C-alpha cells in the first residue's frame, strides 16, 4: 500500500520572508521610468518619480506584509490599519504637491 507524503506545517515567518523576497525581486526588475520633460515647478519630476516608483511600491509592499502578519498574528490588525492610512496620506500629499504649494504661495 502506498502512503501519501506527510505534509509539513509552513512556518509563518518563512512565508512572510518568501513574500518579501518576491516583492524585492519584482521591484528590482521594474524598468526605469521615462520622466516627463515639461515641468511647472522645480522638483516636479522628482516628486512624480518618488510618488510612482518609490512611495507607491513601498506603501503597497508595507500593506501586504502587514496584512500577512495580521493573518498570522491577529493582534497586528491595528498596525495594518495604521500602515494603510499613512500610505494613503503620503501618496495623497505627493500626488497633490503642486496644488498644495500653489495654495501656500497664494495665501
C-alpha atoms as a PDB file:
ATOM      1  CA  UNK A   1       0.000   0.000   0.000  1.00  0.00           C
ATOM      2  CA  UNK A   2       1.374   3.421  -0.929  1.00  0.00           C
ATOM      3  CA  UNK A   3       1.486   6.146   1.629  1.00  0.00           C
ATOM      4  CA  UNK A   4       0.966   9.743   0.763  1.00  0.00           C
ATOM      5  CA  UNK A   5       3.837  12.041   1.681  1.00  0.00           C
ATOM      6  CA  UNK A   6       3.447  13.737   5.025  1.00  0.00           C
ATOM      7  CA  UNK A   7       2.524  17.398   4.979  1.00  0.00           C
ATOM      8  CA  UNK A   8       4.694  19.758   6.921  1.00  0.00           C
ATOM      9  CA  UNK A   9       3.263  22.835   8.546  1.00  0.00           C
ATOM     10  CA  UNK A  10       4.524  26.014   6.939  1.00  0.00           C
ATOM     11  CA  UNK A  11       6.396  28.379   9.170  1.00  0.00           C
ATOM     12  CA  UNK A  12       4.614  31.776   9.078  1.00  0.00           C
ATOM     13  CA  UNK A  13       7.926  33.631   9.143  1.00  0.00           C
ATOM     14  CA  UNK A  14       9.170  31.598   6.182  1.00  0.00           C
ATOM     15  CA  UNK A  15       6.023  32.504   4.237  1.00  0.00           C
ATOM     16  CA  UNK A  16       6.453  36.206   5.058  1.00  0.00           C
ATOM     17  CA  UNK A  17      10.139  36.019   4.093  1.00  0.00           C
ATOM     18  CA  UNK A  18       9.246  34.390   0.771  1.00  0.00           C
ATOM     19  CA  UNK A  19       6.667  37.092   0.032  1.00  0.00           C
ATOM     20  CA  UNK A  20       9.214  39.753   0.925  1.00  0.00           C
ATOM     21  CA  UNK A  21      11.815  38.188  -1.355  1.00  0.00           C
ATOM     22  CA  UNK A  22       9.391  38.003  -4.281  1.00  0.00           C
ATOM     23  CA  UNK A  23       8.386  41.654  -3.822  1.00  0.00           C
ATOM     24  CA  UNK A  24      12.022  42.819  -3.648  1.00  0.00           C
ATOM     25  CA  UNK A  25      12.893  40.907  -6.814  1.00  0.00           C
ATOM     26  CA  UNK A  26       9.858  42.357  -8.603  1.00  0.00           C
ATOM     27  CA  UNK A  27      10.863  45.891  -7.587  1.00  0.00           C
ATOM     28  CA  UNK A  28      14.469  45.328  -8.654  1.00  0.00           C
ATOM     29  CA  UNK A  29      13.410  44.119 -12.095  1.00  0.00           C
ATOM     30  CA  UNK A  30      10.992  47.002 -12.699  1.00  0.00           C
ATOM     31  CA  UNK A  31      12.098  49.139 -15.658  1.00  0.00           C
ATOM     32  CA  UNK A  32      13.379  52.645 -15.101  1.00  0.00           C
ATOM     33  CA  UNK A  33      10.640  55.225 -15.715  1.00  0.00           C
ATOM     34  CA  UNK A  34      10.665  57.725 -18.520  1.00  0.00           C
ATOM     35  CA  UNK A  35      10.271  61.110 -16.860  1.00  0.00           C
ATOM     36  CA  UNK A  36       8.218  63.914 -18.386  1.00  0.00           C
ATOM     37  CA  UNK A  37      10.244  66.828 -19.738  1.00  0.00           C
ATOM     38  CA  UNK A  38       7.901  69.755 -19.144  1.00  0.00           C
ATOM     39  CA  UNK A  39       7.674  70.908 -15.544  1.00  0.00           C
ATOM     40  CA  UNK A  40       5.815  73.764 -13.962  1.00  0.00           C
ATOM     41  CA  UNK A  41       7.765  73.835 -10.702  1.00  0.00           C
ATOM     42  CA  UNK A  42      11.265  72.856  -9.654  1.00  0.00           C
ATOM     43  CA  UNK A  43      11.414  69.301  -8.405  1.00  0.00           C
ATOM     44  CA  UNK A  44       8.149  68.194 -10.008  1.00  0.00           C
ATOM     45  CA  UNK A  45       9.878  65.370 -11.872  1.00  0.00           C
ATOM     46  CA  UNK A  46      11.407  64.189  -8.619  1.00  0.00           C
ATOM     47  CA  UNK A  47       8.011  64.266  -6.909  1.00  0.00           C
ATOM     48  CA  UNK A  48       6.387  62.321  -9.741  1.00  0.00           C
ATOM     49  CA  UNK A  49       9.195  59.769  -9.704  1.00  0.00           C
ATOM     50  CA  UNK A  50       9.013  59.411  -5.921  1.00  0.00           C
ATOM     51  CA  UNK A  51       5.240  59.086  -5.956  1.00  0.00           C
ATOM     52  CA  UNK A  52       5.025  56.470  -8.695  1.00  0.00           C
ATOM     53  CA  UNK A  53       8.204  54.447  -8.277  1.00  0.00           C
ATOM     54  CA  UNK A  54       9.275  54.799  -4.651  1.00  0.00           C
ATOM     55  CA  UNK A  55       6.359  55.655  -2.351  1.00  0.00           C
ATOM     56  CA  UNK A  56       3.621  53.641  -4.082  1.00  0.00           C
ATOM     57  CA  UNK A  57       5.541  50.316  -4.275  1.00  0.00           C
ATOM     58  CA  UNK A  58       6.938  50.661  -0.759  1.00  0.00           C
ATOM     59  CA  UNK A  59       3.486  51.535   0.613  1.00  0.00           C
ATOM     60  CA  UNK A  60       1.874  48.633  -1.233  1.00  0.00           C
ATOM     61  CA  UNK A  61       4.643  46.308  -0.025  1.00  0.00           C
ATOM     62  CA  UNK A  62       4.183  47.510   3.574  1.00  0.00           C
ATOM     63  CA  UNK A  63       0.419  46.990   3.398  1.00  0.00           C
ATOM     64  CA  UNK A  64       0.864  43.466   2.003  1.00  0.00           C
ATOM     65  CA  UNK A  65       3.477  42.487   4.593  1.00  0.00           C
ATOM     66  CA  UNK A  66       1.459  43.891   7.487  1.00  0.00           C
ATOM     67  CA  UNK A  67      -1.666  42.180   6.121  1.00  0.00           C
ATOM     68  CA  UNK A  68       0.144  38.832   6.037  1.00  0.00           C
ATOM     69  CA  UNK A  69       1.392  39.481   9.564  1.00  0.00           C
ATOM     70  CA  UNK A  70      -2.183  40.256  10.648  1.00  0.00           C
ATOM     71  CA  UNK A  71      -3.304  36.862   9.331  1.00  0.00           C
ATOM     72  CA  UNK A  72      -0.567  35.181  11.333  1.00  0.00           C
ATOM     73  CA  UNK A  73      -0.979  37.288  14.472  1.00  0.00           C
ATOM     74  CA  UNK A  74      -4.451  38.872  14.694  1.00  0.00           C
ATOM     75  CA  UNK A  75      -3.339  41.480  17.237  1.00  0.00           C
ATOM     76  CA  UNK A  76      -1.419  43.219  14.412  1.00  0.00           C
ATOM     77  CA  UNK A  77      -4.592  44.298  12.590  1.00  0.00           C
ATOM     78  CA  UNK A  78      -4.345  47.715  14.254  1.00  0.00           C
ATOM     79  CA  UNK A  79      -0.850  48.297  12.878  1.00  0.00           C
ATOM     80  CA  UNK A  80      -2.029  47.210   9.420  1.00  0.00           C
ATOM     81  CA  UNK A  81      -4.688  49.907   9.509  1.00  0.00           C
ATOM     82  CA  UNK A  82      -2.099  52.498  10.574  1.00  0.00           C
ATOM     83  CA  UNK A  83       0.226  51.497   7.747  1.00  0.00           C
ATOM     84  CA  UNK A  84      -2.579  51.768   5.191  1.00  0.00           C
ATOM     85  CA  UNK A  85      -3.723  55.180   6.461  1.00  0.00           C
ATOM     86  CA  UNK A  86      -0.184  56.602   6.490  1.00  0.00           C
ATOM     87  CA  UNK A  87       0.463  55.272   2.974  1.00  0.00           C
ATOM     88  CA  UNK A  88      -2.720  56.844   1.606  1.00  0.00           C
ATOM     89  CA  UNK A  89      -1.985  60.207   3.247  1.00  0.00           C
ATOM     90  CA  UNK A  90       1.600  60.250   1.978  1.00  0.00           C
ATOM     91  CA  UNK A  91       0.536  59.291  -1.534  1.00  0.00           C
ATOM     92  CA  UNK A  92      -2.175  61.989  -1.499  1.00  0.00           C
ATOM     93  CA  UNK A  93       0.314  64.645  -0.402  1.00  0.00           C
ATOM     94  CA  UNK A  94       2.749  63.709  -3.145  1.00  0.00           C
ATOM     95  CA  UNK A  95       0.004  63.498  -5.772  1.00  0.00           C
ATOM     96  CA  UNK A  96      -1.224  66.998  -4.940  1.00  0.00           C
ATOM     97  CA  UNK A  97       2.098  68.627  -4.043  1.00  0.00           C
ATOM     98  CA  UNK A  98       1.991  71.174  -6.866  1.00  0.00           C
ATOM     99  CA  UNK A  99      -1.537  72.330  -5.966  1.00  0.00           C
ATOM    100  CA  UNK A 100      -0.719  72.477  -2.261  1.00  0.00           C
ATOM    101  CA  UNK A 101       2.392  74.578  -2.946  1.00  0.00           C
ATOM    102  CA  UNK A 102       0.386  76.964  -5.142  1.00  0.00           C
ATOM    103  CA  UNK A 103      -2.202  77.404  -2.412  1.00  0.00           C
ATOM    104  CA  UNK A 104       0.514  78.060   0.166  1.00  0.00           C
ATOM    105  CA  UNK A 105       2.192  80.647  -2.096  1.00  0.00           C
ATOM    106  CA  UNK A 106      -1.101  82.434  -2.759  1.00  0.00           C
ATOM    107  CA  UNK A 107      -2.026  82.627   0.917  1.00  0.00           C
END
